[in-house]
Structure formats: structure tokens, C-alpha cells
Protein backbone atom coordinates (compact mmCIF):
# COMPACT_ATOMS: atom_id res chain seq x y z
CA MET A 1 9.63 27.03 19.94
CA THR A 2 12.64 24.70 19.27
CA ALA A 3 15.64 25.85 17.09
CA ILE A 4 14.40 23.49 14.42
CA ALA A 5 10.92 25.18 14.47
CA THR A 6 12.46 28.66 14.24
CA ALA A 7 14.78 27.67 11.46
CA LEU A 8 11.80 26.26 9.46
CA GLU A 9 9.62 29.22 10.12
CA ALA A 10 12.46 31.45 8.94
CA GLY A 11 12.60 29.25 5.81
CA LEU A 12 8.81 29.66 4.88
CA PRO A 13 9.58 31.79 1.66
CA GLY A 14 12.04 29.04 0.22
CA LEU A 15 9.41 26.30 1.11
CA LEU A 16 6.64 28.25 -0.64
CA ALA A 17 8.89 28.60 -3.78
CA ASP A 18 9.59 24.83 -3.79
CA ILE A 19 5.84 24.17 -3.57
CA GLU A 20 5.09 26.63 -6.41
CA GLU A 21 7.80 24.99 -8.50
CA LEU A 22 6.30 21.58 -7.90
CA VAL A 23 2.58 22.43 -8.26
CA ARG A 24 3.42 24.30 -11.71
CA THR A 25 4.93 20.91 -12.86
CA GLU A 26 1.58 19.12 -13.54
CA SER A 27 1.75 15.38 -13.08
CA PRO A 28 -1.54 13.35 -13.71
CA SER A 29 -0.93 9.65 -13.03
CA ASP A 30 -1.95 8.66 -16.53
CA ASP A 31 0.56 11.01 -18.21
CA LEU A 32 3.99 9.14 -17.86
CA ALA A 33 5.89 12.09 -19.53
CA ALA A 34 4.40 14.62 -17.10
CA VAL A 35 4.98 12.29 -14.19
CA ALA A 36 8.70 11.94 -15.23
CA ASP A 37 9.01 15.57 -15.44
CA CYS A 38 7.55 16.07 -12.08
CA ALA A 39 10.08 13.43 -10.60
CA ARG A 40 12.92 15.45 -12.08
CA VAL A 41 11.65 18.50 -10.26
CA VAL A 42 11.45 16.62 -7.05
CA ALA A 43 14.73 15.08 -7.51
CA LYS A 44 16.27 18.51 -7.87
CA ILE A 45 14.56 19.82 -4.76
CA GLY A 46 15.48 16.85 -2.58
CA THR A 47 19.13 16.96 -3.79
CA ARG A 48 19.47 20.54 -2.94
CA LEU A 49 17.94 20.27 0.56
CA THR A 50 19.54 16.95 1.62
CA GLY A 51 22.88 17.16 -0.37
CA ALA A 52 22.24 13.62 -1.90
CA ALA A 53 20.74 12.55 -5.25
CA PRO A 54 18.03 9.93 -5.26
CA GLU A 55 18.02 6.63 -7.06
CA TRP A 56 15.67 6.67 -10.00
CA ILE A 57 13.64 3.59 -10.05
CA ASP A 58 11.68 2.81 -13.35
CA GLY A 59 8.47 0.68 -12.90
CA SER A 60 7.18 0.34 -16.50
CA GLY A 61 8.04 3.93 -17.61
CA ARG A 62 6.74 5.24 -14.24
CA PRO A 63 9.43 6.63 -11.93
CA ALA A 64 9.96 6.37 -8.18
CA LEU A 65 12.54 8.15 -6.30
CA ARG A 66 14.52 6.68 -3.47
CA TRP A 67 16.96 8.32 -1.01
CA ARG A 68 18.92 6.22 1.57
CA PHE A 69 21.10 7.79 4.16
CA GLY A 70 23.50 5.23 5.48
CA SER A 71 21.62 1.94 5.77
CA GLY A 72 18.29 3.84 5.72
CA ASP A 73 16.71 1.14 7.86
CA ARG A 74 15.30 3.10 10.93
CA VAL A 75 12.76 5.65 9.39
CA LEU A 76 10.99 5.71 6.06
CA LEU A 77 9.35 8.87 4.87
CA LEU A 78 6.79 8.14 2.22
CA GLY A 79 4.87 10.00 -0.35
CA HIS A 80 3.66 10.46 -3.99
CA PHE A 81 4.07 13.23 -6.43
CA ASP A 82 1.41 12.18 -9.00
CA THR A 83 -2.07 13.93 -8.96
CA VAL A 84 -5.59 13.45 -10.13
CA TRP A 85 -5.47 16.69 -12.11
CA PRO A 86 -4.95 16.62 -15.95
CA VAL A 87 -2.45 18.68 -17.54
CA GLY A 88 -3.86 22.18 -18.26
CA SER A 89 -5.50 22.41 -14.98
CA LEU A 90 -3.53 25.33 -13.94
CA ALA A 91 -5.41 27.45 -16.36
CA GLY A 92 -8.37 27.16 -14.33
CA HIS A 93 -6.87 26.85 -10.87
CA PRO A 94 -3.53 28.77 -11.06
CA PHE A 95 -1.04 28.47 -8.28
CA GLU A 96 -1.68 31.38 -5.85
CA VAL A 97 -0.81 32.49 -2.33
CA ALA A 98 -3.37 34.91 -0.83
CA GLY A 99 -5.31 35.32 2.37
CA GLY A 100 -3.12 32.93 4.20
CA ARG A 101 -3.99 30.18 1.70
CA LEU A 102 -1.95 28.56 -1.04
CA THR A 103 -3.99 27.02 -3.99
CA GLY A 104 -3.12 25.02 -7.19
CA PRO A 105 -3.88 21.57 -8.50
CA GLY A 106 -2.35 18.97 -6.23
CA CYS A 107 -1.19 21.38 -3.66
CA PHE A 108 -2.80 19.57 -0.71
CA ASP A 109 -2.73 16.10 -2.17
CA MET A 110 0.22 16.08 -1.78
CA LYS A 111 2.90 18.28 -3.31
CA ALA A 112 3.11 20.52 -0.31
CA GLY A 113 3.90 17.35 1.78
CA VAL A 114 6.70 16.43 -0.52
CA VAL A 115 8.27 19.73 -0.02
CA GLN A 116 7.70 19.86 3.68
CA LEU A 117 9.46 16.49 3.99
CA PHE A 118 12.62 17.62 2.36
CA HIS A 119 12.71 20.98 4.36
CA ALA A 120 12.12 18.97 7.47
CA LEU A 121 15.15 16.78 6.66
CA SER A 122 17.14 19.84 5.73
CA ALA A 123 16.80 21.08 9.50
CA LEU A 124 18.64 17.92 10.85
CA ASP A 125 22.33 17.51 11.12
CA ASP A 126 22.50 13.80 10.64
CA LEU A 127 20.22 11.69 8.24
CA ASP A 128 21.90 8.30 8.90
CA ARG A 129 19.51 5.53 8.78
CA VAL A 130 16.79 7.57 7.07
CA SER A 131 15.19 6.60 3.85
CA VAL A 132 12.82 8.47 1.57
CA LEU A 133 10.62 6.86 -1.10
CA LEU A 134 8.36 8.96 -3.43
CA THR A 135 6.16 7.46 -6.13
CA GLY A 136 4.41 8.41 -9.25
CA ASP A 137 1.25 6.02 -8.93
CA GLU A 138 -0.53 6.34 -5.72
CA GLU A 139 -3.41 8.02 -7.03
CA ILE A 140 -4.04 4.84 -9.28
CA GLY A 141 -3.63 2.43 -6.57
CA ALA A 142 0.23 1.99 -6.69
CA PRO A 143 0.20 -0.69 -9.54
CA THR A 144 3.80 -0.55 -10.19
CA SER A 145 5.25 0.78 -6.93
CA ARG A 146 3.38 -1.61 -4.40
CA THR A 147 6.10 -4.12 -4.30
CA LEU A 148 8.73 -1.51 -3.74
CA ILE A 149 6.72 0.22 -1.00
CA GLU A 150 6.26 -3.02 0.81
CA ALA A 151 9.92 -3.93 0.62
CA GLU A 152 11.10 -0.63 1.92
CA ALA A 153 8.63 -0.95 4.86
CA ARG A 154 9.84 -4.42 5.69
CA ARG A 155 13.54 -3.13 6.05
CA THR A 156 12.58 -0.26 8.21
CA ARG A 157 11.31 0.32 11.69
CA ALA A 158 8.82 3.15 11.44
CA VAL A 159 7.00 4.67 8.37
CA LEU A 160 6.00 8.37 8.36
CA VAL A 161 3.60 9.28 5.61
CA LEU A 162 3.36 12.82 4.34
CA GLU A 163 -0.06 12.58 2.86
CA ALA A 164 -2.25 15.65 3.70
CA SER A 165 -3.83 15.85 7.23
CA GLU A 166 -7.69 15.71 7.85
CA GLY A 167 -8.60 19.00 9.12
CA GLY A 168 -5.28 19.36 10.89
CA ALA A 169 -5.55 15.87 12.52
CA LEU A 170 -3.12 13.10 11.78
CA LYS A 171 -4.53 9.81 10.14
CA THR A 172 -4.17 7.12 12.80
CA ALA A 173 -6.33 4.70 10.97
CA ARG A 174 -7.54 4.15 7.36
CA LYS A 175 -9.98 1.79 6.03
CA GLY A 176 -8.86 -1.05 3.81
CA MET A 177 -10.01 -1.01 0.12
CA SER A 178 -11.31 -3.55 -2.38
CA GLY A 179 -12.46 -2.93 -5.87
CA TYR A 180 -14.49 -5.35 -8.06
CA GLU A 181 -15.90 -5.48 -11.57
CA LEU A 182 -18.69 -7.64 -12.41
CA THR A 183 -19.36 -8.69 -16.09
CA ILE A 184 -22.92 -10.07 -16.77
CA ALA A 185 -23.76 -12.12 -19.98
CA GLY A 186 -27.26 -12.76 -20.99
CA ARG A 187 -29.06 -13.29 -24.39
CA ALA A 188 -30.29 -10.44 -26.79
CA ALA A 189 -33.70 -10.51 -28.29
CA HIS A 190 -36.15 -7.97 -29.83
CA ALA A 191 -37.70 -6.02 -27.00
CA GLY A 192 -41.07 -5.76 -28.88
CA LEU A 193 -41.48 -8.89 -30.80
CA GLU A 194 -40.16 -11.57 -28.50
CA PRO A 195 -38.61 -10.24 -25.32
CA HIS A 196 -39.18 -13.56 -23.57
CA LYS A 197 -36.59 -15.17 -25.61
CA GLY A 198 -33.94 -12.96 -24.08
CA VAL A 199 -32.07 -13.00 -20.85
CA ASN A 200 -32.00 -9.25 -19.62
CA THR A 201 -28.83 -8.22 -18.15
CA THR A 202 -30.16 -4.93 -16.99
CA THR A 203 -32.67 -6.95 -14.83
CA GLU A 204 -29.89 -9.10 -13.74
CA LEU A 205 -27.87 -6.06 -12.86
CA ALA A 206 -30.44 -4.81 -10.74
CA HIS A 207 -30.55 -7.90 -8.63
CA GLN A 208 -26.87 -7.87 -8.36
CA VAL A 209 -26.71 -4.20 -7.24
CA LEU A 210 -29.13 -5.03 -4.35
CA ALA A 211 -27.34 -8.12 -3.49
CA LEU A 212 -23.93 -6.34 -3.32
CA SER A 213 -25.37 -3.29 -1.37
CA ALA A 214 -26.78 -5.93 1.22
CA LEU A 215 -23.18 -7.06 1.98
CA ALA A 216 -22.42 -3.60 3.73
CA ASP A 217 -22.13 -3.54 7.54
CA PRO A 218 -22.65 0.00 8.90
CA ALA A 219 -21.99 -1.24 12.53
CA ALA A 220 -18.60 -2.55 11.52
CA GLY A 221 -17.89 0.43 9.25
CA THR A 222 -18.09 -1.70 6.08
CA THR A 223 -19.39 0.01 2.99
CA VAL A 224 -20.07 -1.82 -0.27
CA THR A 225 -20.97 0.75 -2.98
CA PRO A 226 -22.08 0.01 -6.60
CA THR A 227 -20.58 2.82 -8.64
CA VAL A 228 -20.28 2.78 -12.59
CA ALA A 229 -22.78 0.69 -14.23
CA SER A 230 -23.68 -0.01 -17.93
CA SER A 231 -26.05 -2.34 -19.89
CA GLY A 232 -27.56 -2.53 -23.32
CA THR A 233 -27.12 -1.12 -26.66
CA THR A 234 -30.53 0.08 -28.12
CA ARG A 235 -34.00 0.96 -26.55
CA ASN A 236 -35.65 -1.90 -28.38
CA THR A 237 -33.18 -4.75 -27.64
CA VAL A 238 -33.09 -6.90 -24.77
CA PRO A 239 -29.67 -6.26 -23.40
CA ASP A 240 -27.14 -9.28 -23.38
CA ALA A 241 -24.05 -7.65 -21.65
CA ALA A 242 -23.78 -5.54 -18.48
CA ARG A 243 -21.00 -4.15 -16.39
CA LEU A 244 -20.70 -3.03 -12.77
CA MET A 245 -17.77 -1.55 -10.85
CA VAL A 246 -17.89 -1.86 -6.97
CA ASP A 247 -16.03 0.03 -4.22
CA VAL A 248 -15.58 -1.63 -0.82
CA ARG A 249 -14.21 0.07 2.23
CA VAL A 250 -13.42 -1.99 5.52
CA GLY A 251 -12.06 -1.47 9.03
CA THR A 252 -10.57 -4.88 9.39
CA ALA A 253 -8.84 -7.57 7.66
CA ALA A 254 -11.69 -10.11 8.73
CA GLU A 255 -14.26 -7.81 7.11
CA GLN A 256 -12.12 -7.56 3.86
CA ASP A 257 -12.10 -11.34 3.81
CA ARG A 258 -15.79 -11.85 4.55
CA VAL A 259 -16.77 -9.33 1.92
CA ASP A 260 -14.43 -10.98 -0.68
CA ARG A 261 -15.81 -14.42 -0.01
CA ALA A 262 -19.47 -13.10 -0.20
CA VAL A 263 -18.83 -11.32 -3.58
CA HIS A 264 -17.33 -14.30 -5.26
CA GLY A 265 -20.12 -16.48 -3.91
CA LEU A 266 -22.86 -14.54 -5.61
CA ARG A 267 -24.95 -16.26 -8.20
CA PRO A 268 -27.13 -15.12 -11.02
CA VAL A 269 -30.89 -14.75 -10.32
CA LEU A 270 -32.18 -15.09 -14.01
CA ASP A 271 -31.97 -18.49 -15.83
CA GLY A 272 -29.44 -18.22 -18.77
CA ALA A 273 -27.42 -15.23 -17.16
CA SER A 274 -23.83 -15.82 -15.99
CA LEU A 275 -21.64 -13.76 -13.76
CA ARG A 276 -18.01 -13.01 -13.83
CA PHE A 277 -16.25 -11.08 -11.09
CA SER A 278 -12.71 -9.71 -11.31
CA GLY A 279 -10.69 -7.78 -8.81
CA GLY A 280 -10.46 -8.03 -5.06
CA PRO A 281 -8.67 -6.51 -1.96
CA ASN A 282 -6.29 -3.81 -3.17
CA ARG A 283 -5.26 -2.26 0.32
CA PRO A 284 -5.32 -3.65 3.77
CA PRO A 285 -6.56 -1.54 6.58
CA LEU A 286 -4.31 0.52 8.51
CA PRO A 287 -5.51 -0.04 12.08
CA THR A 288 -5.11 2.16 14.99
CA SER A 289 -2.77 -0.30 16.61
CA ALA A 290 -0.35 0.36 13.71
CA SER A 291 -0.15 4.02 14.54
CA ALA A 292 -0.93 4.17 18.15
CA GLU A 293 2.74 4.65 19.74
CA LEU A 294 3.89 6.80 16.81
CA PHE A 295 0.98 9.02 17.25
CA GLU A 296 1.70 9.39 21.17
CA LEU A 297 5.35 10.40 20.13
CA ALA A 298 3.96 12.91 17.66
CA ARG A 299 1.49 14.39 20.18
CA GLY A 300 4.31 14.71 22.61
CA HIS A 301 6.63 16.55 20.28
CA TYR A 302 3.85 18.81 18.91
CA ALA A 303 3.03 20.06 22.46
CA GLU A 304 6.84 20.63 23.14
CA LEU A 305 7.11 22.52 19.99
CA GLY A 306 4.28 24.90 21.52
CA PHE A 307 1.95 24.17 18.75
CA GLY A 308 -0.90 22.96 21.14
CA PRO A 309 -2.84 19.65 21.03
CA LEU A 310 -2.72 17.26 18.14
CA ARG A 311 -5.72 15.04 17.24
CA GLY A 312 -5.80 11.86 15.45
CA VAL A 313 -8.72 10.57 13.15
CA ALA A 314 -9.71 7.40 11.35
CA VAL A 315 -10.56 7.98 7.66
CA GLY A 316 -12.16 6.09 4.93
CA GLY A 317 -9.62 6.88 2.19
CA GLY A 318 -6.65 4.86 1.38
CA SER A 319 -2.99 5.66 0.83
CA ASP A 320 0.32 3.84 0.50
CA GLY A 321 0.36 3.80 4.34
CA ASN A 322 -2.11 0.87 4.04
CA LEU A 323 0.53 -1.11 2.42
CA THR A 324 3.27 -0.36 4.87
CA ALA A 325 1.01 -1.19 7.86
CA GLY A 326 -0.10 -4.29 6.01
CA VAL A 327 3.41 -5.78 6.26
CA GLY A 328 3.57 -5.08 9.89
CA THR A 329 5.50 -1.73 10.12
CA PRO A 330 4.39 0.79 12.54
CA THR A 331 2.96 3.71 10.28
CA LEU A 332 1.73 7.26 11.01
CA ASP A 333 -0.19 9.04 8.36
CA GLY A 334 -1.41 12.59 7.53
CA LEU A 335 1.65 14.41 8.43
CA GLY A 336 1.60 16.56 5.40
CA ALA A 337 -0.11 19.84 4.59
CA VAL A 338 -3.06 21.22 6.67
CA GLY A 339 -5.92 22.45 4.37
CA GLY A 340 -8.70 20.97 2.39
CA GLY A 341 -10.46 20.21 -0.97
CA ALA A 342 -8.35 17.27 -2.03
CA HIS A 343 -9.37 16.32 -5.80
CA ALA A 344 -11.79 19.27 -5.82
CA ASP A 345 -11.91 22.93 -7.02
CA ASP A 346 -11.34 24.29 -3.43
CA GLU A 347 -7.95 22.40 -2.98
CA HIS A 348 -5.94 24.57 -0.67
CA VAL A 349 -3.19 24.55 1.93
CA VAL A 350 -2.93 26.77 5.18
CA VAL A 351 0.21 28.62 4.81
CA ALA A 352 1.08 29.22 8.47
CA GLU A 353 0.89 25.42 9.19
CA LEU A 354 3.48 24.51 6.64
CA PRO A 355 6.80 25.09 8.80
CA ARG A 356 4.88 23.77 11.80
CA ARG A 357 4.18 20.41 10.21
CA ALA A 358 7.69 20.29 8.85
CA ALA A 359 9.05 21.01 12.25
CA LEU A 360 6.90 18.17 13.65
CA VAL A 361 8.29 15.76 11.05
CA ALA A 362 11.81 16.77 11.81
CA SER A 363 11.21 16.48 15.50
CA LEU A 364 9.79 13.07 14.94
CA VAL A 365 12.59 11.78 12.78
CA ALA A 366 15.05 13.03 15.15
CA SER A 367 13.46 11.36 17.96
CA LEU A 368 13.29 8.02 16.20
CA LEU A 369 16.85 8.11 15.27
CA ARG A 370 17.94 8.57 18.93
CA VAL A 371 16.01 5.72 20.27
CA SER A 372 17.51 2.29 20.77
CA PRO A 373 16.68 -0.26 17.85
CA THR A 374 14.44 -2.28 20.07
CA ALA A 375 12.55 0.79 21.26
CA VAL A 376 10.83 1.71 17.95
CA PRO A 377 7.15 0.83 18.21
CA GLY A 378 6.36 -2.72 16.93
CA LYS A 379 9.89 -3.52 15.89
CA VAL A 380 12.56 -5.56 17.61
CA GLY A 381 16.07 -6.70 16.80
CA PRO A 382 19.29 -4.93 16.04
């Protein structure tokens, strides 16, 4: 075990205390006041551990925090501090450490990762050319921070994402995401007296659900999933309006484009019905090629630290890492907590893995800072 790993292992009590403070500061994405309160706690922890205060970036009342050490153009550490858990969730899911597990709303996704990030940086003597960006809207698709994330990624040479791991494995590929909302207009009529005079949007909705589902390609890993649907007002009225939401996940940009064209090419089946689609691609895929060299570097460091083999997996869920890979910056995701139950009642973190993953991050950052500018995966130039 290296000196960095030993130091972080010794600092586990402080790491746990910082995670507790952050988990107890609830921060659902849709509560701007709560998100801002959490940002202040993150800023305090980060300032204490790195010796530098962040830049507070306001995006329509939703804060992001940015640290730049020196030029900050070599390595970007990325994460978020918003969660899916509403204020008050602590009452039913309190912060606890027992049986080697840490629990509490948002602990796994991804408040433990945020704390691991700063403890990793605290173990390094020199942070010159490191940047940190933490946002407050990842769980709702980064509507205010996307431009900022992409701009930061373009100016750096590698991105390390502190999202939670997948069963201990790093996330070396993520599917791209698209989202659509279909609005159907028809014509109302009395369902008993003259249903033939109506244009039934529930029937049209059924046709469109089947047409959309048929756009999936399991062999290519493409899923097209109709999710939320509504139509009609009363039992005895032919419905004249319907609404459908659709979730799309794809492995390649070509598949994302194919599905988008096909969705917008759909036409109504019933005479008199009309369709209107909104939405489209939200996050590009994070392909294996974007993470390959960084993952090999991580795997080597993990073995050198004495922690054994390190796995990489492809996952269907998206993160802000999709955005950084989408602008062409090498990106390695899933460097945060080991545990499980994201967004669920059994959300938890494995305590023993916290300092290990922090040591891996510290070793990766140190290694990337040592390499020549042209040696960082996928990037060239001074």
C-alpha cells in the first residue's frame, strides 16, 4: 500500500464525518434553496481540504461550484450534489453507519463520491492544472449546467467522474439518452350516442405505443420505452387529447440519430388525429473508446495499490460524463462510492471501500499530472 493509500485509510473517520454532514444536508434537484444550502456545505468541505475556495456559478438560481488550481487544464474532476430524495427523507432513511455499511438518502448517488474527491485531492502535494466542477442539476438532466460542463471538458485533457461505481466496477461506457413527449389531438364525442363522430386519441395512442416500441433494436442495445401515458376525461366521452412520454437509450450516435429521425417521421393512423413530438437527444453515448486508455491507467494503479483486479462495465444509465465524452474529452466514470441501491430504499455505501477509491482517484490525478501534455489519452498539443 502506498503512502497516499495509508494516509487516506488513516483519515477514514474524517471522511465519514464529512459524508454525514453532506448527507444530512438534503438537496433534491427541484428545491433550489436546499440545493444552495448543500452547495455551501460542499464549498466548506472542499475549501478545508484543498485550501482554496470555489467559484460560485449561478445558473438560474441553481449553483455550481468550480475550483481551478493554476490553469486547471490537465484534469477535470466532475460530480454533482443534487439528489432525487425530497426534503424529509432523512426521517425514514436516516444517516447510519453499521455493519460496514453507510446509509442515508443520496449517500451512494453521489454524496460519498463528492467527499472522496476532496479527500483524494487533500493527499496530493501539488494540484496545479487540476479543476473540479460540481453541479446541482445532474439528476434532472443538467438543464442549466450542460454548457458549463462541456466548456470545462473542452479545455482539459481528461475527465474523472466521481459517480458511484457499478458493483465495484468502473463505468467504461454509458448509453446515450433521448427523451420525447408525444401530444395527440383528436375530436371529442359522446361515447354512447355518437362515438363515430369522434377521433379517439386513446386508440391513436395505442397505435403510437406499438410503433414506437418497434423502433427498439435489442441487437444494437437500443431501447425505446413508452413510459407515462394519459388520455381522456370521462368514461362516456371519446377522448380528444392524449400524452405519452418515451425514454430512449442507445449505444452509438448513429443509433441515436436513427431513432430520432424515425420518431419524427411517425404519422397518425386515424383520420382526423394529429401528432406533435417534442424533445430529442439529451446526452450522447459515452463509448468505450472514450475511456479505454484511462481505464487501463486506473487498472494499473489499482493493482499497484494492492487492491486487486479492477473491472469495467457498460451501463444504460447516463451521467454528466456523457457530456464530456460527447465533446471529445477522454472520460472515465464510476470512480465514486462502492455500494448499491441508487434512488432506492436500500441505498448504501461500503465503508471499507471509501479510502480505497479515494486513493485510486489520488493516484490517477497524480499520474495524469506527471505525463507530458501529448501523452494524455486522446489529447494533443501543449
